[in-house]
C-alpha atoms as a PDB file:
ATOM      1  CA  MET A   1     161.466 161.613 226.543  1.00  0.00           C
ATOM      2  CA  LEU A   2     158.444 161.285 224.341  1.00  0.00           C
ATOM      3  CA  PRO A   3     156.552 164.529 223.773  1.00  0.00           C
ATOM      4  CA  ASN A   4     153.502 165.556 225.585  1.00  0.00           C
ATOM      5  CA  THR A   5     150.181 164.798 223.886  1.00  0.00           C
ATOM      6  CA  GLY A   6     147.745 166.706 225.900  1.00  0.00           C
ATOM      7  CA  ARG A   7     145.900 163.570 226.913  1.00  0.00           C
ATOM      8  CA  LEU A   8     146.328 164.341 230.436  1.00  0.00           C
ATOM      9  CA  ALA A   9     144.840 167.644 230.278  1.00  0.00           C
ATOM     10  CA  GLY A  10     142.035 168.388 232.895  1.00  0.00           C
ATOM     11  CA  CYS A  11     142.990 164.998 234.480  1.00  0.00           C
ATOM     12  CA  THR A  12     144.057 164.938 238.407  1.00  0.00           C
ATOM     13  CA  VAL A  13     146.882 162.902 239.236  1.00  0.00           C
ATOM     14  CA  PHE A  14     147.256 161.944 242.942  1.00  0.00           C
ATOM     15  CA  ILE A  15     151.306 161.599 243.691  1.00  0.00           C
ATOM     16  CA  THR A  16     152.992 160.791 246.799  1.00  0.00           C
ATOM     17  CA  GLY A  17     156.377 162.057 247.362  1.00  0.00           C
ATOM     18  CA  ALA A  18     156.097 164.722 244.813  1.00  0.00           C
ATOM     19  CA  SER A  19     158.149 167.395 247.022  1.00  0.00           C
ATOM     20  CA  ARG A  20     161.246 166.196 245.342  1.00  0.00           C
ATOM     21  CA  GLY A  21     162.942 163.391 243.410  1.00  0.00           C
ATOM     22  CA  ILE A  22     160.827 160.975 240.821  1.00  0.00           C
ATOM     23  CA  GLY A  23     157.801 162.016 242.355  1.00  0.00           C
ATOM     24  CA  LYS A  24     157.980 165.679 241.476  1.00  0.00           C
ATOM     25  CA  ALA A  25     159.467 164.735 237.788  1.00  0.00           C
ATOM     26  CA  ILE A  26     156.490 162.540 237.299  1.00  0.00           C
ATOM     27  CA  ALA A  27     154.502 165.715 238.594  1.00  0.00           C
ATOM     28  CA  LEU A  28     155.981 168.155 236.315  1.00  0.00           C
ATOM     29  CA  LYS A  29     155.874 165.938 233.280  1.00  0.00           C
ATOM     30  CA  ALA A  30     152.298 165.021 234.056  1.00  0.00           C
ATOM     31  CA  ALA A  31     151.616 168.867 234.253  1.00  0.00           C
ATOM     32  CA  LYS A  32     153.197 169.787 231.049  1.00  0.00           C
ATOM     33  CA  ASP A  33     150.642 167.358 229.895  1.00  0.00           C
ATOM     34  CA  GLY A  34     147.715 169.552 231.222  1.00  0.00           C
ATOM     35  CA  ALA A  35     147.193 167.414 234.053  1.00  0.00           C
ATOM     36  CA  ASN A  36     145.954 168.769 237.805  1.00  0.00           C
ATOM     37  CA  ILE A  37     148.454 167.495 240.653  1.00  0.00           C
ATOM     38  CA  VAL A  38     147.939 166.758 244.007  1.00  0.00           C
ATOM     39  CA  ILE A  39     151.083 166.817 245.810  1.00  0.00           C
ATOM     40  CA  ALA A  40     150.896 164.336 248.827  1.00  0.00           C
ATOM     41  CA  ALA A  41     154.162 164.510 250.938  1.00  0.00           C
ATOM     42  CA  LYS A  42     155.290 165.192 254.289  1.00  0.00           C
ATOM     43  CA  THR A  43     157.870 168.092 253.814  1.00  0.00           C
ATOM     44  CA  ALA A  44     155.999 171.452 254.406  1.00  0.00           C
ATOM     45  CA  GLN A  45     159.125 172.756 255.800  1.00  0.00           C
ATOM     46  CA  PRO A  46     162.479 173.467 254.290  1.00  0.00           C
ATOM     47  CA  HIS A  47     164.887 170.562 255.141  1.00  0.00           C
ATOM     48  CA  PRO A  48     168.277 171.283 255.997  1.00  0.00           C
ATOM     49  CA  LYS A  49     169.921 168.790 253.375  1.00  0.00           C
ATOM     50  CA  LEU A  50     167.062 167.903 251.022  1.00  0.00           C
ATOM     51  CA  LEU A  51     165.936 170.387 248.735  1.00  0.00           C
ATOM     52  CA  GLY A  52     162.051 170.929 248.002  1.00  0.00           C
ATOM     53  CA  THR A  53     158.725 171.320 250.052  1.00  0.00           C
ATOM     54  CA  ILE A  54     155.193 170.579 248.921  1.00  0.00           C
ATOM     55  CA  TYR A  55     154.920 174.534 248.257  1.00  0.00           C
ATOM     56  CA  THR A  56     158.046 174.956 246.200  1.00  0.00           C
ATOM     57  CA  ALA A  57     156.935 172.116 243.993  1.00  0.00           C
ATOM     58  CA  ALA A  58     153.483 173.542 243.426  1.00  0.00           C
ATOM     59  CA  GLU A  59     155.124 176.874 242.301  1.00  0.00           C
ATOM     60  CA  GLU A  60     157.218 174.615 239.845  1.00  0.00           C
ATOM     61  CA  ILE A  61     154.288 172.753 238.628  1.00  0.00           C
ATOM     62  CA  GLU A  62     152.120 175.885 238.112  1.00  0.00           C
ATOM     63  CA  ALA A  63     155.000 177.490 236.048  1.00  0.00           C
ATOM     64  CA  VAL A  64     154.730 174.760 233.613  1.00  0.00           C
ATOM     65  CA  GLY A  65     151.341 175.328 233.019  1.00  0.00           C
ATOM     66  CA  GLY A  66     149.674 172.722 235.530  1.00  0.00           C
ATOM     67  CA  LYS A  67     147.203 173.374 238.573  1.00  0.00           C
ATOM     68  CA  ALA A  68     148.609 172.169 242.035  1.00  0.00           C
ATOM     69  CA  LEU A  69     147.238 171.345 245.297  1.00  0.00           C
ATOM     70  CA  PRO A  70     150.063 171.110 248.009  1.00  0.00           C
ATOM     71  CA  CYS A  71     148.773 168.444 250.922  1.00  0.00           C
ATOM     72  CA  ILE A  72     150.705 167.338 253.810  1.00  0.00           C
ATOM     73  CA  VAL A  73     150.423 163.661 253.730  1.00  0.00           C
ATOM     74  CA  ASP A  74     152.211 160.965 255.524  1.00  0.00           C
ATOM     75  CA  VAL A  75     151.108 157.805 253.863  1.00  0.00           C
ATOM     76  CA  ARG A  76     151.148 155.989 257.133  1.00  0.00           C
ATOM     77  CA  ASP A  77     148.161 158.335 258.496  1.00  0.00           C
ATOM     78  CA  GLU A  78     145.064 157.249 257.038  1.00  0.00           C
ATOM     79  CA  GLN A  79     143.239 160.699 258.299  1.00  0.00           C
ATOM     80  CA  GLN A  80     145.798 162.804 256.449  1.00  0.00           C
ATOM     81  CA  ILE A  81     145.088 160.264 253.303  1.00  0.00           C
ATOM     82  CA  SER A  82     141.460 160.874 253.258  1.00  0.00           C
ATOM     83  CA  ALA A  83     141.613 164.340 253.911  1.00  0.00           C
ATOM     84  CA  ALA A  84     143.798 165.145 250.841  1.00  0.00           C
ATOM     85  CA  VAL A  85     141.484 162.851 248.821  1.00  0.00           C
ATOM     86  CA  GLU A  86     138.637 165.183 250.176  1.00  0.00           C
ATOM     87  CA  LYS A  87     140.330 168.285 249.421  1.00  0.00           C
ATOM     88  CA  ALA A  88     141.260 167.265 245.702  1.00  0.00           C
ATOM     89  CA  ILE A  89     137.961 166.307 245.011  1.00  0.00           C
ATOM     90  CA  LYS A  90     136.806 169.826 246.367  1.00  0.00           C
ATOM     91  CA  LYS A  91     139.384 171.753 244.248  1.00  0.00           C
ATOM     92  CA  PHE A  92     139.079 169.760 240.966  1.00  0.00           C
ATOM     93  CA  GLY A  93     135.584 168.074 240.865  1.00  0.00           C
ATOM     94  CA  ALA A  94     137.435 164.596 240.662  1.00  0.00           C
ATOM     95  CA  TYR A  95     140.096 162.381 241.488  1.00  0.00           C
ATOM     96  CA  THR A  96     141.776 160.122 240.442  1.00  0.00           C
ATOM     97  CA  ILE A  97     143.327 158.645 237.046  1.00  0.00           C
ATOM     98  CA  ALA A  98     146.853 157.697 238.171  1.00  0.00           C
ATOM     99  CA  LYS A  99     148.719 157.578 241.497  1.00  0.00           C
ATOM    100  CA  TYR A 100     152.478 156.922 241.703  1.00  0.00           C
ATOM    101  CA  GLY A 101     153.719 156.010 245.272  1.00  0.00           C
ATOM    102  CA  MET A 102     157.023 157.473 245.634  1.00  0.00           C
ATOM    103  CA  SER A 103     157.423 157.450 249.657  1.00  0.00           C
ATOM    104  CA  MET A 104     159.719 154.383 249.478  1.00  0.00           C
ATOM    105  CA  TYR A 105     163.020 153.531 246.738  1.00  0.00           C
ATOM    106  CA  VAL A 106     164.087 150.016 247.268  1.00  0.00           C
ATOM    107  CA  LEU A 107     166.555 147.595 245.197  1.00  0.00           C
ATOM    108  CA  GLY A 108     166.033 143.840 245.748  1.00  0.00           C
ATOM    109  CA  MET A 109     163.722 144.186 248.576  1.00  0.00           C
ATOM    110  CA  ALA A 110     160.245 143.726 247.022  1.00  0.00           C
ATOM    111  CA  GLU A 111     160.114 140.192 248.643  1.00  0.00           C
ATOM    112  CA  GLU A 112     160.690 141.418 252.093  1.00  0.00           C
ATOM    113  CA  PHE A 113     157.645 143.663 251.784  1.00  0.00           C
ATOM    114  CA  LYS A 114     155.390 140.980 250.241  1.00  0.00           C
ATOM    115  CA  GLY A 115     152.021 141.053 251.679  1.00  0.00           C
ATOM    116  CA  GLU A 116     152.829 144.005 253.657  1.00  0.00           C
ATOM    117  CA  ILE A 117     152.982 147.002 251.543  1.00  0.00           C
ATOM    118  CA  ALA A 118     152.926 147.529 247.379  1.00  0.00           C
ATOM    119  CA  VAL A 119     156.520 148.071 246.503  1.00  0.00           C
ATOM    120  CA  ASN A 120     157.899 148.618 242.972  1.00  0.00           C
ATOM    121  CA  ALA A 121     161.411 147.805 242.792  1.00  0.00           C
ATOM    122  CA  LEU A 122     163.810 148.182 239.339  1.00  0.00           C
ATOM    123  CA  TRP A 123     167.246 146.653 239.617  1.00  0.00           C
ATOM    124  CA  PRO A 124     169.305 149.496 237.712  1.00  0.00           C
ATOM    125  CA  LYS A 125     170.486 147.162 235.038  1.00  0.00           C
ATOM    126  CA  THR A 126     167.067 146.691 233.636  1.00  0.00           C
ATOM    127  CA  GLY A 127     165.342 150.015 234.600  1.00  0.00           C
ATOM    128  CA  HIS A 128     166.486 152.189 232.090  1.00  0.00           C
ATOM    129  CA  PRO A 129     165.368 149.913 228.773  1.00  0.00           C
ATOM    130  CA  LEU A 130     162.258 148.761 230.584  1.00  0.00           C
ATOM    131  CA  GLN A 131     161.028 152.131 231.305  1.00  0.00           C
ATOM    132  CA  PRO A 132     162.213 154.656 228.293  1.00  0.00           C
ATOM    133  CA  ASP A 133     159.145 157.092 229.444  1.00  0.00           C
ATOM    134  CA  PHE A 134     156.226 156.937 231.688  1.00  0.00           C
ATOM    135  CA  PHE A 135     154.002 158.135 229.126  1.00  0.00           C
ATOM    136  CA  LEU A 136     154.005 155.728 226.110  1.00  0.00           C
ATOM    137  CA  ASP A 137     151.204 157.348 224.048  1.00  0.00           C
ATOM    138  CA  GLU A 138     152.979 158.515 220.736  1.00  0.00           C
ATOM    139  CA  TYR A 139     154.649 155.592 219.600  1.00  0.00           C
ATOM    140  CA  PRO A 140     153.389 152.418 221.430  1.00  0.00           C
ATOM    141  CA  GLU A 141     154.641 149.957 218.852  1.00  0.00           C
ATOM    142  CA  ALA A 142     158.228 151.106 218.691  1.00  0.00           C
ATOM    143  CA  VAL A 143     158.063 150.956 222.488  1.00  0.00           C
ATOM    144  CA  SER A 144     156.507 147.451 222.990  1.00  0.00           C
ATOM    145  CA  LYS A 145     159.264 146.236 220.664  1.00  0.00           C
ATOM    146  CA  LYS A 146     161.896 147.954 222.809  1.00  0.00           C
ATOM    147  CA  VAL A 147     160.702 146.259 225.809  1.00  0.00           C
ATOM    148  CA  GLU A 148     159.927 143.059 224.734  1.00  0.00           C
ATOM    149  CA  SER A 149     163.570 142.915 223.235  1.00  0.00           C
ATOM    150  CA  THR A 150     164.526 142.565 227.165  1.00  0.00           C
ATOM    151  CA  GLY A 151     162.413 139.670 227.483  1.00  0.00           C
ATOM    152  CA  ALA A 152     159.761 141.593 229.135  1.00  0.00           C
ATOM    153  CA  VAL A 153     155.953 141.768 228.328  1.00  0.00           C
ATOM    154  CA  PRO A 154     155.014 145.440 228.309  1.00  0.00           C
ATOM    155  CA  GLU A 155     151.604 146.095 230.714  1.00  0.00           C
ATOM    156  CA  PHE A 156     150.371 148.477 227.893  1.00  0.00           C
ATOM    157  CA  LYS A 157     150.506 145.726 225.130  1.00  0.00           C
ATOM    158  CA  GLU A 158     146.741 144.305 224.031  1.00  0.00           C
ATOM    159  CA  GLU A 159     146.528 140.821 224.713  1.00  0.00           C
ATOM    160  CA  LYS A 160     143.872 138.357 223.044  1.00  0.00           C
ATOM    161  CA  LEU A 161     140.455 138.522 224.463  1.00  0.00           C
ATOM    162  CA  GLN A 162     140.049 135.500 226.887  1.00  0.00           C
ATOM    163  CA  LEU A 163     136.419 133.985 227.915  1.00  0.00           C
ATOM    164  CA  GLN A 164     135.540 134.066 231.510  1.00  0.00           C
ATOM    165  CA  PRO A 165     135.660 131.246 233.466  1.00  0.00           C
ATOM    166  CA  LYS A 166     132.142 130.380 234.998  1.00  0.00           C
ATOM    167  CA  PRO A 167     132.057 131.703 238.360  1.00  0.00           C
ATOM    168  CA  ARG A 168     132.123 129.129 241.466  1.00  0.00           C
ATOM    169  CA  SER A 169     130.582 128.968 244.858  1.00  0.00           C
ATOM    170  CA  GLY A 170     132.474 130.549 247.543  1.00  0.00           C
ATOM    171  CA  ALA A 171     133.078 133.700 249.420  1.00  0.00           C
ATOM    172  CA  VAL A 172     132.846 136.085 246.460  1.00  0.00           C
ATOM    173  CA  GLU A 173     129.576 134.802 245.394  1.00  0.00           C
ATOM    174  CA  GLU A 174     128.366 134.656 249.023  1.00  0.00           C
ATOM    175  CA  THR A 175     129.300 138.417 249.495  1.00  0.00           C
ATOM    176  CA  PHE A 176     127.708 139.649 246.283  1.00  0.00           C
ATOM    177  CA  ARG A 177     124.485 137.385 247.518  1.00  0.00           C
ATOM    178  CA  ILE A 178     124.328 139.586 250.949  1.00  0.00           C
ATOM    179  CA  VAL A 179     125.089 142.642 248.716  1.00  0.00           C
ATOM    180  CA  LYS A 180     122.067 141.967 246.377  1.00  0.00           C
ATOM    181  CA  ASP A 181     119.751 141.284 249.522  1.00  0.00           C
ATOM    182  CA  SER A 182     120.722 144.684 251.107  1.00  0.00           C
ATOM    183  CA  LEU A 183     119.850 146.999 248.041  1.00  0.00           C
ATOM    184  CA  SER A 184     116.952 148.923 247.896  1.00  0.00           C
ATOM    185  CA  ASP A 185     115.618 152.126 245.729  1.00  0.00           C
ATOM    186  CA  ASP A 186     116.861 154.380 248.422  1.00  0.00           C
ATOM    187  CA  VAL A 187     120.568 152.919 248.200  1.00  0.00           C
ATOM    188  CA  VAL A 188     120.122 153.390 244.411  1.00  0.00           C
ATOM    189  CA  LYS A 189     118.959 156.905 244.378  1.00  0.00           C
ATOM    190  CA  ALA A 190     121.569 157.811 246.605  1.00  0.00           C
ATOM    191  CA  THR A 191     124.365 156.148 244.658  1.00  0.00           C
ATOM    192  CA  GLN A 192     123.700 156.557 241.014  1.00  0.00           C
ATOM    193  CA  ALA A 193     126.706 154.634 239.660  1.00  0.00           C
ATOM    194  CA  ILE A 194     127.558 151.114 238.201  1.00  0.00           C
ATOM    195  CA  TYR A 195     130.793 149.234 239.700  1.00  0.00           C
ATOM    196  CA  LEU A 196     132.608 146.743 237.825  1.00  0.00           C
ATOM    197  CA  PHE A 197     135.106 144.395 239.959  1.00  0.00           C
ATOM    198  CA  GLU A 198     137.955 142.851 238.218  1.00  0.00           C
ATOM    199  CA  LEU A 199     138.805 139.818 240.706  1.00  0.00           C
ATOM    200  CA  SER A 200     141.929 137.644 240.621  1.00  0.00           C
ATOM    201  CA  GLY A 201     142.583 134.463 242.331  1.00  0.00           C
ATOM    202  CA  GLU A 202     139.928 131.799 243.653  1.00  0.00           C
ATOM    203  CA  ASP A 203     136.588 132.128 242.506  1.00  0.00           C
ATOM    204  CA  GLY A 204     137.828 135.421 240.608  1.00  0.00           C
ATOM    205  CA  GLY A 205     136.520 136.935 237.414  1.00  0.00           C
ATOM    206  CA  THR A 206     134.313 140.181 236.332  1.00  0.00           C
ATOM    207  CA  TRP A 207     131.397 140.911 238.543  1.00  0.00           C
ATOM    208  CA  PHE A 208     129.207 144.272 238.382  1.00  0.00           C
ATOM    209  CA  LEU A 209     126.964 145.918 241.082  1.00  0.00           C
ATOM    210  CA  ASP A 210     124.479 148.225 239.289  1.00  0.00           C
ATOM    211  CA  LEU A 211     123.227 150.944 241.471  1.00  0.00           C
ATOM    212  CA  LYS A 212     121.579 152.799 238.633  1.00  0.00           C
ATOM    213  CA  SER A 213     118.822 150.455 237.634  1.00  0.00           C
ATOM    214  CA  LYS A 214     115.670 150.352 239.776  1.00  0.00           C
ATOM    215  CA  GLY A 215     116.119 148.465 242.999  1.00  0.00           C
ATOM    216  CA  GLY A 216     119.541 147.639 242.027  1.00  0.00           C
ATOM    217  CA  ASN A 217     121.273 144.375 240.816  1.00  0.00           C
ATOM    218  CA  VAL A 218     124.514 142.382 241.061  1.00  0.00           C
ATOM    219  CA  GLY A 219     125.968 139.627 238.500  1.00  0.00           C
ATOM    220  CA  TYR A 220     128.932 137.612 237.377  1.00  0.00           C
ATOM    221  CA  GLY A 221     129.974 139.167 234.126  1.00  0.00           C
ATOM    222  CA  GLU A 222     129.731 142.739 232.227  1.00  0.00           C
ATOM    223  CA  PRO A 223     126.942 145.189 233.293  1.00  0.00           C
ATOM    224  CA  SER A 224     124.488 146.195 230.712  1.00  0.00           C
ATOM    225  CA  ASP A 225     125.438 149.861 230.577  1.00  0.00           C
ATOM    226  CA  GLN A 226     129.213 151.151 230.975  1.00  0.00           C
ATOM    227  CA  ALA A 227     130.755 151.148 234.414  1.00  0.00           C
ATOM    228  CA  ASP A 228     131.116 154.465 236.028  1.00  0.00           C
ATOM    229  CA  VAL A 229     134.171 152.614 238.296  1.00  0.00           C
ATOM    230  CA  VAL A 230     136.432 149.772 237.808  1.00  0.00           C
ATOM    231  CA  MET A 231     137.847 148.257 240.571  1.00  0.00           C
ATOM    232  CA  SER A 232     140.825 145.612 240.474  1.00  0.00           C
ATOM    233  CA  MET A 233     141.954 143.583 243.508  1.00  0.00           C
ATOM    234  CA  THR A 234     142.207 140.059 244.282  1.00  0.00           C
ATOM    235  CA  THR A 235     139.095 137.927 245.853  1.00  0.00           C
ATOM    236  CA  ASP A 236     140.676 137.576 249.113  1.00  0.00           C
ATOM    237  CA  ASP A 237     141.205 141.562 249.653  1.00  0.00           C
ATOM    238  CA  PHE A 238     137.843 141.967 248.190  1.00  0.00           C
ATOM    239  CA  VAL A 239     135.898 139.872 250.608  1.00  0.00           C
ATOM    240  CA  LYS A 240     137.781 141.685 253.362  1.00  0.00           C
ATOM    241  CA  MET A 241     136.928 144.767 252.191  1.00  0.00           C
ATOM    242  CA  PHE A 242     133.387 144.415 252.250  1.00  0.00           C
ATOM    243  CA  SER A 243     133.281 142.361 255.370  1.00  0.00           C
ATOM    244  CA  GLY A 244     135.286 145.645 257.176  1.00  0.00           C
ATOM    245  CA  LYS A 245     138.838 143.801 257.899  1.00  0.00           C
ATOM    246  CA  LEU A 246     140.430 146.304 255.149  1.00  0.00           C
ATOM    247  CA  LYS A 247     139.706 149.691 254.695  1.00  0.00           C
ATOM    248  CA  PRO A 248     139.150 150.841 251.123  1.00  0.00           C
ATOM    249  CA  THR A 249     141.441 153.939 251.433  1.00  0.00           C
ATOM    250  CA  MET A 250     144.300 151.690 252.411  1.00  0.00           C
ATOM    251  CA  ALA A 251     143.722 149.168 250.213  1.00  0.00           C
ATOM    252  CA  PHE A 252     143.950 151.801 247.660  1.00  0.00           C
ATOM    253  CA  MET A 253     147.273 153.763 248.955  1.00  0.00           C
ATOM    254  CA  SER A 254     148.809 150.308 249.714  1.00  0.00           C
ATOM    255  CA  GLY A 255     148.098 149.078 245.974  1.00  0.00           C
ATOM    256  CA  LYS A 256     145.985 146.398 246.777  1.00  0.00           C
ATOM    257  CA  LEU A 257     143.068 148.148 245.155  1.00  0.00           C
ATOM    258  CA  LYS A 258     143.294 149.726 241.896  1.00  0.00           C
ATOM    259  CA  ILE A 259     140.647 152.243 240.791  1.00  0.00           C
ATOM    260  CA  LYS A 260     139.795 153.456 237.392  1.00  0.00           C
ATOM    261  CA  GLY A 261     136.854 156.104 236.748  1.00  0.00           C
ATOM    262  CA  ASN A 262     135.178 158.476 238.869  1.00  0.00           C
ATOM    263  CA  MET A 263     136.739 158.463 242.481  1.00  0.00           C
ATOM    264  CA  ALA A 264     133.826 160.448 244.162  1.00  0.00           C
ATOM    265  CA  LEU A 265     131.731 157.566 243.342  1.00  0.00           C
ATOM    266  CA  ALA A 266     134.241 155.127 244.501  1.00  0.00           C
ATOM    267  CA  ILE A 267     133.969 157.092 247.686  1.00  0.00           C
ATOM    268  CA  LYS A 268     130.273 156.747 247.842  1.00  0.00           C
ATOM    269  CA  LEU A 269     130.597 152.848 247.681  1.00  0.00           C
ATOM    270  CA  GLU A 270     132.592 153.109 251.076  1.00  0.00           C
ATOM    271  CA  LYS A 271     129.429 154.065 252.818  1.00  0.00           C
ATOM    272  CA  LEU A 272     127.370 151.132 251.358  1.00  0.00           C
ATOM    273  CA  MET A 273     130.227 148.624 252.558  1.00  0.00           C
ATOM    274  CA  ASN A 274     130.052 150.252 255.971  1.00  0.00           C
ATOM    275  CA  GLN A 275     126.102 149.345 256.398  1.00  0.00           C
ATOM    276  CA  MET A 276     127.067 145.670 255.094  1.00  0.00           C
ATOM    277  CA  ASN A 277     129.970 145.068 257.282  1.00  0.00           C
ATOM    278  CA  ALA A 278     127.690 143.467 260.126  1.00  0.00           C
ATOM    279  CA  ARG A 279     126.400 141.201 257.894  1.00  0.00           C
ATOM    280  CA  LEU A 280     129.366 139.755 256.361  1.00  0.00           C
END
């Protein structure tokens, strides 16, 4: 186990299934590093066979120096997810830097869930050497070499900068055209944020939505100022999300949408999407 670096101090981590097991272990590790922990799990009352509730987990987290917010959450219930997000923002001011889904543990079943739900499955033989620790801040080079020795490529390893391909006409470009036509000074005034979209798949690439500049703007590539929110997803899911066929909250909780930055500003974008659904 690597030493805590304090890099999570003041950050808020939303963890599903954190009342016990791996989820609680991650919560305690992050709490020792100074993070605020949102415990999102179903167990509010003691189970006759399984130890731990969201409230006992909160006590353990606060005992090691962290701050905890226990929330009753069934990840299949969108209203409970949304309520937990709102509570987290109200209590801690901003949410979220990380989210670990711990509601399901599978071995060799990822293919069965493909396209339905995001599941990370580790075969026991590869689990240990590939994941010596879940905070790799202190000795990244040593950890990188260890991971590469197994034949895997570490996610945190820097890659050479690649030029973005030129955008092609298609559903993504049409979506951004409609978004641009929907912009106004009132929308900019109400939002005050810059969004960066990292899209994979056909017609993918990096796009931005600037809701800080006068009148607003959209475009292909990087914005002139730093983005407040970075969203990563496939082009198909992006189009579905902006057309109302995929709800952002469910996309995020299922792993189809990954968000970095200010979650409160990310939620503001959802309101703008609702206004444009009829046109997309």
